[in-house]
Amino acid sequence: MTRASFPPRLLRWLALFGAAPAAFACRDLDNFSTKPGDAYCGTIIGSPAFQDGFLREGTPPDLELALTLDTSKLTSEPGVTNEPGVLRSGDAQNGLCAAPGKPQALFEDAPLRTIPKLEHDVLSALSFGEGHEYDFFAWVDSSCQGTMLAVVSLMKNSQVEVRLFKPAPFASPNATSAEKPGFAVFHLDPQKRADCGF
């Protein structure tokens, strides 16, 4: 079969698929790696349109997140899972995982885990907009809410956006935030403080 005989849609798919592993190679992302003592810090976007299932009922939308990054670990050898980042949250006292007398944050030095098979899929070549330098998918384990999907966006303005997807079974109308599926968006800024103030 000649190239001319391939359907145009298939050619576009093959082009995207072939570009996926190379998408990372043409970018220099070293400047996004945090230095010792630094972190990306920010707060959940509080609007109900951008978050659900991450805040305990009756608490203000002030869930804080700290992220450290090592962009050299964004790619991996076949079958090897790397950890290009670590997440911490500032909700140990009143978050979903906290209990009376037993503070526990939603994320406690939780590693971001790469998804090696995804590097060869067309999803890894997705672009989320002009302001995005690079986007990647990772698994991250919470302290009490199971494994979540993180979509991390390295922005051209030096910020980092983190989107978290919290899976859960279909919830009843009166389900608590801890019982519901969740979604949240965080805008993080580079800071010269690894603890982000929490």
Protein backbone atom coordinates (compact mmCIF):
# COMPACT_ATOMS: atom_id res chain seq x y z
CA MET A 1 0.00 0.00 0.00
CA THR A 2 1.47 3.36 -0.99
CA ARG A 3 1.34 6.48 1.13
CA ALA A 4 -1.14 7.96 -1.31
CA SER A 5 -3.57 5.12 -0.68
CA PHE A 6 -3.74 5.67 3.10
CA PRO A 7 -6.92 7.44 4.23
CA PRO A 8 -6.13 11.04 5.33
CA ARG A 9 -7.50 10.39 8.82
CA LEU A 10 -5.17 7.40 9.27
CA LEU A 11 -2.19 9.45 8.09
CA ARG A 12 -2.97 12.15 10.66
CA TRP A 13 -3.27 9.50 13.39
CA LEU A 14 0.04 7.89 12.42
CA ALA A 15 1.73 11.29 12.36
CA LEU A 16 0.49 12.08 15.85
CA PHE A 17 1.39 8.62 17.13
CA GLY A 18 4.91 8.90 15.75
CA ALA A 19 5.31 12.36 17.17
CA ALA A 20 4.29 11.35 20.69
CA PRO A 21 7.65 9.96 21.92
CA ALA A 22 9.50 12.80 20.20
CA ALA A 23 7.32 15.56 21.63
CA PHE A 24 9.37 15.71 24.82
CA ALA A 25 12.75 15.42 23.11
CA CYS A 26 12.51 18.79 21.33
CA ARG A 27 11.90 20.74 24.54
CA ASP A 28 14.30 21.89 27.22
CA LEU A 29 12.34 21.74 30.46
CA ASP A 30 15.24 21.90 32.92
CA ASN A 31 14.16 25.33 34.14
CA PHE A 32 10.97 23.78 35.54
CA SER A 33 12.90 21.48 37.89
CA THR A 34 12.84 22.76 41.45
CA LYS A 35 16.09 23.37 43.30
CA PRO A 36 16.62 22.17 46.88
CA GLY A 37 14.56 24.39 49.16
CA ASP A 38 12.18 25.48 46.37
CA ALA A 39 8.68 24.36 45.41
CA TYR A 40 5.68 25.32 43.35
CA CYS A 41 2.96 26.59 45.69
CA GLY A 42 -0.68 27.44 45.16
CA THR A 43 -4.30 27.07 46.20
CA ILE A 44 -7.25 25.29 44.67
CA ILE A 45 -9.41 27.36 42.34
CA GLY A 46 -12.35 27.86 44.65
CA SER A 47 -15.10 28.33 42.09
CA PRO A 48 -17.58 25.41 42.12
CA ALA A 49 -17.17 25.29 38.33
CA PHE A 50 -13.55 24.16 38.78
CA GLN A 51 -13.66 21.87 41.82
CA ASP A 52 -15.79 19.24 43.48
CA GLY A 53 -15.11 16.40 45.90
CA PHE A 54 -11.87 17.78 47.36
CA LEU A 55 -13.09 19.97 50.22
CA ARG A 56 -14.85 18.88 53.39
CA GLU A 57 -18.36 20.28 53.70
CA GLY A 58 -18.44 23.70 55.32
CA THR A 59 -14.74 24.48 54.85
CA PRO A 60 -13.46 27.40 52.76
CA PRO A 61 -11.92 26.69 49.33
CA ASP A 62 -8.35 27.14 50.53
CA LEU A 63 -6.77 23.73 49.88
CA GLU A 64 -3.05 24.40 49.35
CA LEU A 65 -0.69 22.30 47.27
CA ALA A 66 3.11 22.09 47.15
CA LEU A 67 4.89 20.45 44.22
CA THR A 68 8.55 19.66 43.64
CA LEU A 69 9.63 18.63 40.14
CA ASP A 70 12.52 16.82 38.49
CA THR A 71 11.87 17.06 34.75
CA SER A 72 14.78 14.72 33.95
CA LYS A 73 12.45 11.92 35.11
CA LEU A 74 9.61 12.73 32.75
CA THR A 75 10.71 10.06 30.30
CA SER A 76 11.60 6.51 31.23
CA GLU A 77 13.03 3.29 29.90
CA PRO A 78 10.43 0.85 28.55
CA GLY A 79 8.48 -0.60 31.44
CA VAL A 80 10.15 1.65 34.05
CA THR A 81 8.03 3.99 36.16
CA ASN A 82 9.74 7.22 37.16
CA GLU A 83 8.78 9.75 39.84
CA PRO A 84 9.17 13.25 38.36
CA GLY A 85 7.50 15.05 41.23
CA VAL A 86 6.18 14.98 44.78
CA LEU A 87 2.89 16.45 46.04
CA ARG A 88 2.03 17.71 49.51
CA SER A 89 -1.19 19.38 50.64
CA GLY A 90 -1.86 21.78 53.49
CA ASP A 91 -5.11 20.28 54.79
CA ALA A 92 -3.82 18.08 57.61
CA GLN A 93 -6.17 19.69 60.14
CA ASN A 94 -9.47 19.95 58.27
CA GLY A 95 -9.14 18.03 55.00
CA LEU A 96 -10.80 14.86 53.75
CA CYS A 97 -8.24 12.62 55.47
CA ALA A 98 -8.18 14.42 58.83
CA ALA A 99 -9.97 13.05 61.88
CA PRO A 100 -10.45 14.56 65.36
CA GLY A 101 -7.10 14.40 67.10
CA LYS A 102 -5.52 12.71 64.06
CA PRO A 103 -4.30 15.26 61.53
CA GLN A 104 -3.55 13.82 58.11
CA ALA A 105 -3.11 15.64 54.82
CA LEU A 106 -4.63 14.45 51.56
CA PHE A 107 -1.11 14.23 50.08
CA GLU A 108 1.91 13.57 52.29
CA ASP A 109 5.05 13.58 50.10
CA ALA A 110 3.12 11.58 47.49
CA PRO A 111 5.22 10.76 44.40
CA LEU A 112 3.90 11.50 40.94
CA ARG A 113 4.32 8.26 38.99
CA THR A 114 4.79 8.34 35.25
CA ILE A 115 2.66 6.14 33.00
CA PRO A 116 5.29 4.58 30.68
CA LYS A 117 2.85 3.09 28.15
CA LEU A 118 1.23 6.49 27.67
CA GLU A 119 4.48 7.90 26.27
CA HIS A 120 3.81 5.93 23.07
CA ASP A 121 0.16 6.89 22.76
CA VAL A 122 -1.29 9.85 20.90
CA LEU A 123 -2.49 11.29 24.24
CA SER A 124 1.08 12.23 25.15
CA ALA A 125 1.18 14.59 22.14
CA LEU A 126 -1.95 16.50 23.14
CA SER A 127 -1.65 20.27 23.39
CA PHE A 128 -3.82 22.08 25.92
CA GLY A 129 -3.36 25.61 24.57
CA GLU A 130 -0.85 28.23 23.52
CA GLY A 131 0.29 29.03 27.04
CA HIS A 132 1.34 25.44 27.73
CA GLU A 133 4.97 24.44 27.33
CA TYR A 134 4.46 20.76 28.19
CA ASP A 135 1.73 18.60 29.71
CA PHE A 136 2.05 15.16 31.27
CA PHE A 137 -0.12 12.57 32.99
CA ALA A 138 0.80 10.80 36.23
CA TRP A 139 -0.67 8.66 38.98
CA VAL A 140 -0.54 9.97 42.55
CA ASP A 141 -1.63 8.20 45.75
CA SER A 142 -3.56 10.17 48.36
CA SER A 143 -3.45 9.36 52.05
CA CYS A 144 -7.06 8.19 52.26
CA GLN A 145 -8.80 8.73 48.92
CA GLY A 146 -7.02 6.20 46.77
CA THR A 147 -5.05 6.71 43.57
CA MET A 148 -5.79 9.78 41.46
CA LEU A 149 -4.89 10.92 37.98
CA ALA A 150 -2.85 14.11 37.81
CA VAL A 151 -2.49 16.20 34.68
CA VAL A 152 0.46 18.53 35.17
CA SER A 153 0.92 21.51 32.84
CA LEU A 154 4.23 23.36 32.65
CA MET A 155 3.27 26.85 31.55
CA LYS A 156 5.25 29.33 29.45
CA ASN A 157 4.83 31.95 32.20
CA SER A 158 6.81 29.66 34.58
CA GLN A 159 3.70 28.62 36.50
CA VAL A 160 2.53 25.03 36.85
CA GLU A 161 -1.09 23.95 36.68
CA VAL A 162 -2.20 20.72 38.34
CA ARG A 163 -5.51 19.06 37.58
CA LEU A 164 -6.54 16.19 39.82
CA PHE A 165 -9.16 13.57 38.98
CA LYS A 166 -10.49 11.56 41.93
CA PRO A 167 -12.36 8.42 40.84
CA ALA A 168 -15.21 7.03 42.91
CA PRO A 169 -18.42 5.06 42.34
CA PHE A 170 -21.56 6.91 41.32
CA ALA A 171 -22.58 8.92 44.37
CA SER A 172 -26.00 9.52 45.86
CA PRO A 173 -27.25 13.14 46.11
CA ASN A 174 -26.47 13.28 49.83
CA ALA A 175 -22.95 11.82 49.52
CA THR A 176 -20.13 13.60 51.32
CA SER A 177 -17.14 15.05 49.50
CA ALA A 178 -15.06 12.09 50.62
CA GLU A 179 -17.54 9.72 48.96
CA LYS A 180 -17.94 11.60 45.66
CA PRO A 181 -15.79 11.59 42.54
CA GLY A 182 -13.70 14.72 42.42
CA PHE A 183 -11.98 17.22 40.16
CA ALA A 184 -9.79 20.15 41.12
CA VAL A 185 -7.53 22.71 39.45
CA PHE A 186 -4.54 24.36 41.09
CA HIS A 187 -2.38 27.24 39.81
CA LEU A 188 1.10 26.98 41.35
CA ASP A 189 3.85 29.61 41.38
CA PRO A 190 7.59 28.97 41.90
CA GLN A 191 8.61 29.85 45.45
CA LYS A 192 11.87 29.93 47.38
CA ARG A 193 10.32 27.91 50.19
CA ALA A 194 9.93 24.15 50.02
CA ASP A 195 7.24 24.07 52.75
CA CYS A 196 4.94 26.58 50.96
CA GLY A 197 4.00 27.88 54.40
CA PHE A 198 2.34 24.68 55.67
